[in-house]
């Protein structure tokens, strides 16, 4: 079936608000390592990994064999009304690595569900539906998760079961705190939190939910230490802290296993998803027992943590640790970040090259201004594909090129992708090679 026919069929039966990448959308039909092949036989180096989900890459023998062993038992699903060995083993590993004392783990299918579960237990534990959230954030597509999403492009409904008060993001390009030094920005953000609590809430706030690096928001992140400043204030009021690690977890930032660790704090609840399943639907929330037990009725996830997805999760986590992919993310990510800053960071259309490890973004603006340039971003995006590289887009104004390659990316592949990126940016911006 030709891609044109598939595109017409897609448009005939799927909703228009589901976006498709590229002027000429592509169907991916094969993959190996960090490369994928489309229906026309064109090969691409994948720097977006199914939105940071194919964390180990494609067609990895250890993961495939783990899935095949489980399939061979004849058991794909049992529901959590029965013991699931793979689920218990994975929960033990995640609890140990979470950094949270006396941890419990609840598995779901997606980051949205994980954040919804975290909000459920936090509001129950604190007997309050008041939540602190961060501007430019994204936490999912269900009602409560959308309610704490601070990006209008991704808030499909204004209806909200929560009462939300908003804090400043770590944006360094624009906004009230952008022109401050890191230390001044932390101080100002903490002062802002105190004022928000005093003016916009009834006092008994349940939790603050925050991403260490904002994913959909364009990989914006605050100075290290901000969460510590916030948490000092939260602790004074008994307010819980939820770290949304859906995109930042599992060593992707290179410097730490979890994004929150850059701030020297420990969250009460941590949500995870995406990379742990390497394409299989697997997510969850891990938290202190006294908090996670705050569910006053029966609740379970039919498919969450099923034998197939947790077989994959165990294989993924074991592979990640055995191959020290966190260190690889730091090493290979530095090649990309340093290379981009050196080659295009000085262009007057590039506002910022930012991120950590293998979670990098380039923000494009009208030359010499901070005015977002989504048209240029789209030209770069298309040029990357033409050059054989798949990347992502994001940011509040759609003007950020996002890169989240598999953590198995090699140094040679990083340099190959860097060359394509630099050529795409310079050509789209009309800069001579």
Foldseek 3Di string as FASTA:
>chain_A
DDQVVVVVVCPVPPDPPPDADDPRGWAWDAWDFQWTATPVGFIFREQQLVNLFLQRTPPDPLLVVLLVVLVVVVFFFDFPVDDFVLLVVLQVVCQVQQPFPQKGKAKAQAQLVQVVLLLVLLCLLLVAQEEEAEALAARDQDQQRLVRHRFVVRNPDPDHPGQYDYFYFQDLLDDDLNVDDQVVSLVVRLVVLVVCCVPVDPLSHRAYEYEQFGRQQQRRHHPAQSVVSNVVVCVVSVHFYEYEQQNPACLLLLVDRGSNVSNVDRGQKYKYFRHLQSPGRMIIMMGNPSRSVSDPDDDHHRPTSGNSSSSSNVSRSVVCVVVVLSNLLQVLVCVQQVLCCVQPVPFQQWSDWDGGRSKIKTFGADGNGSHGDLVLQSQLQNQLVVVRYHWDFHRSVRGMTIGRGHSNDDNVNSVVSSVSSSVSNCVSVVHDD
